[in-house]
Amino acid sequence: GYKIQNYQPIAKGHVLQDNEKIHFDIRADLIVSKDKKLYIAEVKTGASASIKEINTRRQLLEYSKVFENNNLILIDTEKNKIKKIEF
């Protein structure tokens, strides 16, 4: 029921390091829509397809901050499941 809006979208982020603004780019897997809502989607397989996996969790948290969107989904391609994630 999700419609792909953008493949591998890039967002520009920054952090402050010793009061110096450091810029970086991040790339999500997809932006999808459903019921007039946009979601940042991450596609994973195996153990990394779990929110319990530290790197996946940190990646999704970074997406929510940099893309300024807390509508996240984690797609497990092996189990054919889509999980909504909120921080």
PDB file of N, CA and C in Angstrom:
ATOM      1  N   GLY A   1       0.790  -1.195   0.000  1.00  0.00           N
ATOM      2  CA  GLY A   1       0.000   0.000   0.000  1.00  0.00           C
ATOM      3  C   GLY A   1       0.843   1.276   0.000  1.00  0.00           C
ATOM      4  N   TYR A   2       2.157   1.145  -0.001  1.00  0.00           N
ATOM      5  CA  TYR A   2       3.033   2.322  -0.025  1.00  0.00           C
ATOM      6  C   TYR A   2       3.426   2.625  -1.467  1.00  0.00           C
ATOM      7  N   LYS A   3       3.561   3.903  -1.777  1.00  0.00           N
ATOM      8  CA  LYS A   3       3.984   4.330  -3.109  1.00  0.00           C
ATOM      9  C   LYS A   3       5.360   4.979  -2.989  1.00  0.00           C
ATOM     10  N   ILE A   4       6.304   4.516  -3.788  1.00  0.00           N
ATOM     11  CA  ILE A   4       7.656   5.072  -3.756  1.00  0.00           C
ATOM     12  C   ILE A   4       7.649   6.465  -4.377  1.00  0.00           C
ATOM     13  N   GLN A   5       8.173   7.429  -3.621  1.00  0.00           N
ATOM     14  CA  GLN A   5       8.260   8.811  -4.076  1.00  0.00           C
ATOM     15  C   GLN A   5       9.675   9.173  -4.533  1.00  0.00           C
ATOM     16  N   ASN A   6      10.681   8.555  -3.906  1.00  0.00           N
ATOM     17  CA  ASN A   6      12.055   8.911  -4.211  1.00  0.00           C
ATOM     18  C   ASN A   6      12.978   7.752  -3.816  1.00  0.00           C
ATOM     19  N   TYR A   7      13.902   7.418  -4.703  1.00  0.00           N
ATOM     20  CA  TYR A   7      14.921   6.398  -4.426  1.00  0.00           C
ATOM     21  C   TYR A   7      16.187   7.078  -3.925  1.00  0.00           C
ATOM     22  N   GLN A   8      16.720   6.576  -2.860  1.00  0.00           N
ATOM     23  CA  GLN A   8      17.976   7.043  -2.280  1.00  0.00           C
ATOM     24  C   GLN A   8      18.059   8.571  -2.171  1.00  0.00           C
ATOM     25  N   PRO A   9      17.081   9.176  -1.474  1.00  0.00           N
ATOM     26  CA  PRO A   9      17.123  10.630  -1.294  1.00  0.00           C
ATOM     27  C   PRO A   9      18.291  11.033  -0.397  1.00  0.00           C
ATOM     28  N   ILE A  10      18.855  12.182  -0.688  1.00  0.00           N
ATOM     29  CA  ILE A  10      19.974  12.704   0.097  1.00  0.00           C
ATOM     30  C   ILE A  10      19.489  13.902   0.904  1.00  0.00           C
ATOM     31  N   ALA A  11      19.869  13.920   2.172  1.00  0.00           N
ATOM     32  CA  ALA A  11      19.582  15.068   3.035  1.00  0.00           C
ATOM     33  C   ALA A  11      20.907  15.609   3.559  1.00  0.00           C
ATOM     34  N   LYS A  12      20.951  16.906   3.718  1.00  0.00           N
ATOM     35  CA  LYS A  12      22.149  17.565   4.233  1.00  0.00           C
ATOM     36  C   LYS A  12      21.950  17.836   5.717  1.00  0.00           C
ATOM     37  N   GLY A  13      22.911  17.408   6.511  1.00  0.00           N
ATOM     38  CA  GLY A  13      22.842  17.615   7.950  1.00  0.00           C
ATOM     39  C   GLY A  13      24.096  18.314   8.438  1.00  0.00           C
ATOM     40  N   HIS A  14      24.086  18.613   9.714  1.00  0.00           N
ATOM     41  CA  HIS A  14      25.278  19.198  10.322  1.00  0.00           C
ATOM     42  C   HIS A  14      25.297  18.906  11.819  1.00  0.00           C
ATOM     43  N   VAL A  15      26.474  18.953  12.363  1.00  0.00           N
ATOM     44  CA  VAL A  15      26.688  18.871  13.802  1.00  0.00           C
ATOM     45  C   VAL A  15      27.653  19.984  14.174  1.00  0.00           C
ATOM     46  N   LEU A  16      27.651  20.339  15.448  1.00  0.00           N
ATOM     47  CA  LEU A  16      28.636  21.294  15.936  1.00  0.00           C
ATOM     48  C   LEU A  16      29.746  20.528  16.630  1.00  0.00           C
ATOM     49  N   GLN A  17      30.962  20.821  16.217  1.00  0.00           N
ATOM     50  CA  GLN A  17      32.143  20.227  16.834  1.00  0.00           C
ATOM     51  C   GLN A  17      33.034  21.376  17.290  1.00  0.00           C
ATOM     52  N   ASP A  18      33.176  21.529  18.614  1.00  0.00           N
ATOM     53  CA  ASP A  18      33.947  22.657  19.158  1.00  0.00           C
ATOM     54  C   ASP A  18      33.482  23.980  18.558  1.00  0.00           C
ATOM     55  N   ASN A  19      32.157  24.141  18.494  1.00  0.00           N
ATOM     56  CA  ASN A  19      31.507  25.350  17.961  1.00  0.00           C
ATOM     57  C   ASN A  19      31.704  25.554  16.467  1.00  0.00           C
ATOM     58  N   GLU A  20      32.237  24.577  15.764  1.00  0.00           N
ATOM     59  CA  GLU A  20      32.382  24.658  14.310  1.00  0.00           C
ATOM     60  C   GLU A  20      31.312  23.769  13.680  1.00  0.00           C
ATOM     61  N   LYS A  21      30.584  24.309  12.706  1.00  0.00           N
ATOM     62  CA  LYS A  21      29.539  23.549  12.034  1.00  0.00           C
ATOM     63  C   LYS A  21      30.185  22.608  11.007  1.00  0.00           C
ATOM     64  N   ILE A  22      29.958  21.312  11.197  1.00  0.00           N
ATOM     65  CA  ILE A  22      30.470  20.286  10.291  1.00  0.00           C
ATOM     66  C   ILE A  22      29.282  19.751   9.486  1.00  0.00           C
ATOM     67  N   HIS A  23      29.360  19.855   8.178  1.00  0.00           N
ATOM     68  CA  HIS A  23      28.276  19.426   7.292  1.00  0.00           C
ATOM     69  C   HIS A  23      28.521  18.008   6.791  1.00  0.00           C
ATOM     70  N   PHE A  24      27.430  17.292   6.539  1.00  0.00           N
ATOM     71  CA  PHE A  24      27.506  15.942   5.987  1.00  0.00           C
ATOM     72  C   PHE A  24      26.228  15.644   5.219  1.00  0.00           C
ATOM     73  N   ASP A  25      26.298  14.665   4.359  1.00  0.00           N
ATOM     74  CA  ASP A  25      25.124  14.180   3.627  1.00  0.00           C
ATOM     75  C   ASP A  25      24.789  12.784   4.124  1.00  0.00           C
ATOM     76  N   ILE A  26      23.501  12.483   4.170  1.00  0.00           N
ATOM     77  CA  ILE A  26      23.078  11.101   4.424  1.00  0.00           C
ATOM     78  C   ILE A  26      22.119  10.690   3.314  1.00  0.00           C
ATOM     79  N   ARG A  27      22.059   9.394   3.074  1.00  0.00           N
ATOM     80  CA  ARG A  27      21.213   8.867   2.007  1.00  0.00           C
ATOM     81  C   ARG A  27      20.335   7.765   2.584  1.00  0.00           C
ATOM     82  N   ALA A  28      19.040   7.971   2.525  1.00  0.00           N
ATOM     83  CA  ALA A  28      18.091   6.944   2.943  1.00  0.00           C
ATOM     84  C   ALA A  28      17.849   6.009   1.751  1.00  0.00           C
ATOM     85  N   ASP A  29      17.199   4.887   2.004  1.00  0.00           N
ATOM     86  CA  ASP A  29      16.884   3.990   0.895  1.00  0.00           C
ATOM     87  C   ASP A  29      15.732   4.520   0.047  1.00  0.00           C
ATOM     88  N   LEU A  30      14.657   4.939   0.728  1.00  0.00           N
ATOM     89  CA  LEU A  30      13.462   5.370  -0.001  1.00  0.00           C
ATOM     90  C   LEU A  30      12.696   6.438   0.780  1.00  0.00           C
ATOM     91  N   ILE A  31      11.943   7.230   0.052  1.00  0.00           N
ATOM     92  CA  ILE A  31      10.845   7.996   0.634  1.00  0.00           C
ATOM     93  C   ILE A  31       9.588   7.423  -0.002  1.00  0.00           C
ATOM     94  N   VAL A  32       8.649   7.036   0.845  1.00  0.00           N
ATOM     95  CA  VAL A  32       7.402   6.443   0.362  1.00  0.00           C
ATOM     96  C   VAL A  32       6.229   7.211   0.950  1.00  0.00           C
ATOM     97  N   SER A  33       5.073   7.035   0.331  1.00  0.00           N
ATOM     98  CA  SER A  33       3.869   7.683   0.847  1.00  0.00           C
ATOM     99  C   SER A  33       2.754   6.670   1.009  1.00  0.00           C
ATOM    100  N   LYS A  34       1.886   6.990   1.968  1.00  0.00           N
ATOM    101  CA  LYS A  34       0.678   6.203   2.210  1.00  0.00           C
ATOM    102  C   LYS A  34      -0.275   7.086   2.983  1.00  0.00           C
ATOM    103  N   ASP A  35      -1.522   7.144   2.553  1.00  0.00           N
ATOM    104  CA  ASP A  35      -2.547   7.950   3.218  1.00  0.00           C
ATOM    105  C   ASP A  35      -2.082   9.397   3.404  1.00  0.00           C
ATOM    106  N   LYS A  36      -1.493   9.970   2.357  1.00  0.00           N
ATOM    107  CA  LYS A  36      -1.047  11.371   2.329  1.00  0.00           C
ATOM    108  C   LYS A  36       0.063  11.680   3.329  1.00  0.00           C
ATOM    109  N   LYS A  37       0.767  10.649   3.811  1.00  0.00           N
ATOM    110  CA  LYS A  37       1.887  10.815   4.728  1.00  0.00           C
ATOM    111  C   LYS A  37       3.159  10.347   4.045  1.00  0.00           C
ATOM    112  N   LEU A  38       4.256  11.078   4.271  1.00  0.00           N
ATOM    113  CA  LEU A  38       5.555  10.665   3.752  1.00  0.00           C
ATOM    114  C   LEU A  38       6.328   9.924   4.831  1.00  0.00           C
ATOM    115  N   TYR A  39       6.987   8.860   4.439  1.00  0.00           N
ATOM    116  CA  TYR A  39       7.787   8.038   5.343  1.00  0.00           C
ATOM    117  C   TYR A  39       9.207   7.912   4.794  1.00  0.00           C
ATOM    118  N   ILE A  40      10.169   7.898   5.705  1.00  0.00           N
ATOM    119  CA  ILE A  40      11.536   7.560   5.357  1.00  0.00           C
ATOM    120  C   ILE A  40      11.646   6.051   5.554  1.00  0.00           C
ATOM    121  N   ALA A  41      12.079   5.336   4.515  1.00  0.00           N
ATOM    122  CA  ALA A  41      12.119   3.882   4.569  1.00  0.00           C
ATOM    123  C   ALA A  41      13.550   3.368   4.492  1.00  0.00           C
ATOM    124  N   GLU A  42      13.844   2.413   5.341  1.00  0.00           N
ATOM    125  CA  GLU A  42      15.146   1.733   5.320  1.00  0.00           C
ATOM    126  C   GLU A  42      14.878   0.265   5.026  1.00  0.00           C
ATOM    127  N   VAL A  43      15.599  -0.278   4.059  1.00  0.00           N
ATOM    128  CA  VAL A  43      15.429  -1.659   3.629  1.00  0.00           C
ATOM    129  C   VAL A  43      16.588  -2.480   4.182  1.00  0.00           C
ATOM    130  N   LYS A  44      16.257  -3.553   4.890  1.00  0.00           N
ATOM    131  CA  LYS A  44      17.278  -4.389   5.526  1.00  0.00           C
ATOM    132  C   LYS A  44      16.949  -5.862   5.329  1.00  0.00           C
ATOM    133  N   THR A  45      17.967  -6.692   5.584  1.00  0.00           N
ATOM    134  CA  THR A  45      17.791  -8.144   5.577  1.00  0.00           C
ATOM    135  C   THR A  45      18.461  -8.717   6.811  1.00  0.00           C
ATOM    136  N   GLY A  46      18.072  -9.919   7.163  1.00  0.00           N
ATOM    137  CA  GLY A  46      18.707 -10.630   8.265  1.00  0.00           C
ATOM    138  C   GLY A  46      18.582  -9.924   9.594  1.00  0.00           C
ATOM    139  N   ALA A  47      19.621 -10.051  10.421  1.00  0.00           N
ATOM    140  CA  ALA A  47      19.603  -9.478  11.773  1.00  0.00           C
ATOM    141  C   ALA A  47      19.505  -7.961  11.752  1.00  0.00           C
ATOM    142  N   SER A  48      20.027  -7.317  10.709  1.00  0.00           N
ATOM    143  CA  SER A  48      19.982  -5.851  10.655  1.00  0.00           C
ATOM    144  C   SER A  48      18.574  -5.318  10.402  1.00  0.00           C
ATOM    145  N   ALA A  49      17.627  -6.192  10.097  1.00  0.00           N
ATOM    146  CA  ALA A  49      16.243  -5.782   9.863  1.00  0.00           C
ATOM    147  C   ALA A  49      15.454  -5.642  11.166  1.00  0.00           C
ATOM    148  N   SER A  50      16.161  -5.578  12.282  1.00  0.00           N
ATOM    149  CA  SER A  50      15.520  -5.441  13.594  1.00  0.00           C
ATOM    150  C   SER A  50      15.888  -4.102  14.224  1.00  0.00           C
ATOM    151  N   ILE A  51      14.927  -3.459  14.854  1.00  0.00           N
ATOM    152  CA  ILE A  51      15.188  -2.210  15.570  1.00  0.00           C
ATOM    153  C   ILE A  51      16.065  -2.469  16.796  1.00  0.00           C
ATOM    154  N   LYS A  52      16.176  -3.714  17.204  1.00  0.00           N
ATOM    155  CA  LYS A  52      17.061  -4.065  18.316  1.00  0.00           C
ATOM    156  C   LYS A  52      18.533  -3.990  17.908  1.00  0.00           C
ATOM    157  N   GLU A  53      18.801  -4.008  16.605  1.00  0.00           N
ATOM    158  CA  GLU A  53      20.174  -3.926  16.098  1.00  0.00           C
ATOM    159  C   GLU A  53      20.642  -2.478  16.225  1.00  0.00           C
ATOM    160  N   ILE A  54      21.714  -2.260  16.941  1.00  0.00           N
ATOM    161  CA  ILE A  54      22.160  -0.915  17.304  1.00  0.00           C
ATOM    162  C   ILE A  54      22.427  -0.012  16.097  1.00  0.00           C
ATOM    163  N   ASN A  55      23.059  -0.534  15.052  1.00  0.00           N
ATOM    164  CA  ASN A  55      23.362   0.302  13.892  1.00  0.00           C
ATOM    165  C   ASN A  55      22.113   0.705  13.122  1.00  0.00           C
ATOM    166  N   THR A  56      21.155  -0.201  13.015  1.00  0.00           N
ATOM    167  CA  THR A  56      19.885   0.113  12.354  1.00  0.00           C
ATOM    168  C   THR A  56      19.136   1.175  13.141  1.00  0.00           C
ATOM    169  N   ARG A  57      19.090   1.012  14.459  1.00  0.00           N
ATOM    170  CA  ARG A  57      18.395   1.975  15.315  1.00  0.00           C
ATOM    171  C   ARG A  57      19.028   3.358  15.204  1.00  0.00           C
ATOM    172  N   ARG A  58      20.329   3.432  15.266  1.00  0.00           N
ATOM    173  CA  ARG A  58      21.028   4.716  15.160  1.00  0.00           C
ATOM    174  C   ARG A  58      20.824   5.347  13.788  1.00  0.00           C
ATOM    175  N   GLN A  59      20.827   4.519  12.761  1.00  0.00           N
ATOM    176  CA  GLN A  59      20.620   5.017  11.402  1.00  0.00           C
ATOM    177  C   GLN A  59      19.237   5.647  11.268  1.00  0.00           C
ATOM    178  N   LEU A  60      18.219   4.972  11.766  1.00  0.00           N
ATOM    179  CA  LEU A  60      16.859   5.507  11.680  1.00  0.00           C
ATOM    180  C   LEU A  60      16.697   6.766  12.526  1.00  0.00           C
ATOM    181  N   LEU A  61      17.340   6.809  13.681  1.00  0.00           N
ATOM    182  CA  LEU A  61      17.291   8.011  14.509  1.00  0.00           C
ATOM    183  C   LEU A  61      17.918   9.188  13.770  1.00  0.00           C
ATOM    184  N   GLU A  62      19.052   8.955  13.120  1.00  0.00           N
ATOM    185  CA  GLU A  62      19.700  10.016  12.342  1.00  0.00           C
ATOM    186  C   GLU A  62      18.782  10.473  11.201  1.00  0.00           C
ATOM    187  N   TYR A  63      18.139   9.549  10.515  1.00  0.00           N
ATOM    188  CA  TYR A  63      17.207   9.923   9.452  1.00  0.00           C
ATOM    189  C   TYR A  63      16.106  10.820   9.990  1.00  0.00           C
ATOM    190  N   SER A  64      15.540  10.463  11.142  1.00  0.00           N
ATOM    191  CA  SER A  64      14.432  11.249  11.691  1.00  0.00           C
ATOM    192  C   SER A  64      14.862  12.683  11.976  1.00  0.00           C
ATOM    193  N   LYS A  65      16.088  12.857  12.432  1.00  0.00           N
ATOM    194  CA  LYS A  65      16.599  14.196  12.747  1.00  0.00           C
ATOM    195  C   LYS A  65      16.935  14.981  11.483  1.00  0.00           C
ATOM    196  N   VAL A  66      17.723  14.393  10.595  1.00  0.00           N
ATOM    197  CA  VAL A  66      18.225  15.129   9.429  1.00  0.00           C
ATOM    198  C   VAL A  66      17.127  15.358   8.388  1.00  0.00           C
ATOM    199  N   PHE A  67      16.279  14.362   8.155  1.00  0.00           N
ATOM    200  CA  PHE A  67      15.172  14.537   7.217  1.00  0.00           C
ATOM    201  C   PHE A  67      14.004  15.291   7.854  1.00  0.00           C
ATOM    202  N   GLU A  68      14.082  15.534   9.159  1.00  0.00           N
ATOM    203  CA  GLU A  68      13.022  16.207   9.924  1.00  0.00           C
ATOM    204  C   GLU A  68      11.671  15.538   9.698  1.00  0.00           C
ATOM    205  N   ASN A  69      11.670  14.228   9.872  1.00  0.00           N
ATOM    206  CA  ASN A  69      10.467  13.434   9.661  1.00  0.00           C
ATOM    207  C   ASN A  69      10.528  12.237  10.607  1.00  0.00           C
ATOM    208  N   ASN A  70       9.568  12.143  11.507  1.00  0.00           N
ATOM    209  CA  ASN A  70       9.536  11.032  12.453  1.00  0.00           C
ATOM    210  C   ASN A  70       8.677   9.870  11.960  1.00  0.00           C
ATOM    211  N   ASN A  71       8.238   9.928  10.709  1.00  0.00           N
ATOM    212  CA  ASN A  71       7.501   8.813  10.104  1.00  0.00           C
ATOM    213  C   ASN A  71       8.518   7.904   9.428  1.00  0.00           C
ATOM    214  N   LEU A  72       8.853   6.826  10.113  1.00  0.00           N
ATOM    215  CA  LEU A  72       9.893   5.918   9.642  1.00  0.00           C
ATOM    216  C   LEU A  72       9.323   4.526   9.466  1.00  0.00           C
ATOM    217  N   ILE A  73       9.828   3.826   8.459  1.00  0.00           N
ATOM    218  CA  ILE A  73       9.481   2.408   8.332  1.00  0.00           C
ATOM    219  C   ILE A  73      10.758   1.613   8.077  1.00  0.00           C
ATOM    220  N   LEU A  74      10.766   0.432   8.631  1.00  0.00           N
ATOM    221  CA  LEU A  74      11.859  -0.511   8.470  1.00  0.00           C
ATOM    222  C   LEU A  74      11.312  -1.698   7.676  1.00  0.00           C
ATOM    223  N   ILE A  75      11.897  -1.926   6.517  1.00  0.00           N
ATOM    224  CA  ILE A  75      11.417  -2.981   5.628  1.00  0.00           C
ATOM    225  C   ILE A  75      12.343  -4.182   5.737  1.00  0.00           C
ATOM    226  N   ASP A  76      11.777  -5.309   6.140  1.00  0.00           N
ATOM    227  CA  ASP A  76      12.509  -6.569   6.233  1.00  0.00           C
ATOM    228  C   ASP A  76      12.173  -7.371   4.981  1.00  0.00           C
ATOM    229  N   THR A  77      13.103  -7.401   4.028  1.00  0.00           N
ATOM    230  CA  THR A  77      12.812  -8.058   2.756  1.00  0.00           C
ATOM    231  C   THR A  77      12.770  -9.580   2.863  1.00  0.00           C
ATOM    232  N   GLU A  78      13.507 -10.149   3.809  1.00  0.00           N
ATOM    233  CA  GLU A  78      13.504 -11.609   3.961  1.00  0.00           C
ATOM    234  C   GLU A  78      12.179 -12.115   4.526  1.00  0.00           C
ATOM    235  N   LYS A  79      11.631 -11.365   5.485  1.00  0.00           N
ATOM    236  CA  LYS A  79      10.366 -11.775   6.112  1.00  0.00           C
ATOM    237  C   LYS A  79       9.164 -11.097   5.469  1.00  0.00           C
ATOM    238  N   ASN A  80       9.430 -10.235   4.497  1.00  0.00           N
ATOM    239  CA  ASN A  80       8.366  -9.534   3.783  1.00  0.00           C
ATOM    240  C   ASN A  80       7.477  -8.732   4.752  1.00  0.00           C
ATOM    241  N   LYS A  81       8.126  -8.000   5.665  1.00  0.00           N
ATOM    242  CA  LYS A  81       7.399  -7.228   6.679  1.00  0.00           C
ATOM    243  C   LYS A  81       7.809  -5.772   6.646  1.00  0.00           C
ATOM    244  N   ILE A  82       6.855  -4.921   6.941  1.00  0.00           N
ATOM    245  CA  ILE A  82       7.093  -3.482   7.070  1.00  0.00           C
ATOM    246  C   ILE A  82       6.741  -3.097   8.499  1.00  0.00           C
ATOM    247  N   LYS A  83       7.699  -2.459   9.176  1.00  0.00           N
ATOM    248  CA  LYS A  83       7.497  -2.075  10.576  1.00  0.00           C
ATOM    249  C   LYS A  83       7.568  -0.563  10.695  1.00  0.00           C
ATOM    250  N   LYS A  84       6.557   0.052  11.323  1.00  0.00           N
ATOM    251  CA  LYS A  84       6.586   1.490  11.589  1.00  0.00           C
ATOM    252  C   LYS A  84       7.416   1.735  12.838  1.00  0.00           C
ATOM    253  N   ILE A  85       8.300   2.732  12.755  1.00  0.00           N
ATOM    254  CA  ILE A  85       9.210   3.041  13.847  1.00  0.00           C
ATOM    255  C   ILE A  85       9.004   4.506  14.264  1.00  0.00           C
ATOM    256  N   GLU A  86       8.961   4.753  15.559  1.00  0.00           N
ATOM    257  CA  GLU A  86       8.872   6.124  16.086  1.00  0.00           C
ATOM    258  C   GLU A  86       9.879   6.288  17.210  1.00  0.00           C
ATOM    259  N   PHE A  87      10.491   7.480  17.261  1.00  0.00           N
ATOM    260  CA  PHE A  87      11.388   7.819  18.353  1.00  0.00           C
ATOM    261  C   PHE A  87      10.740   8.898  19.187  1.00  0.00           C
TER     262      PHE A  87
END
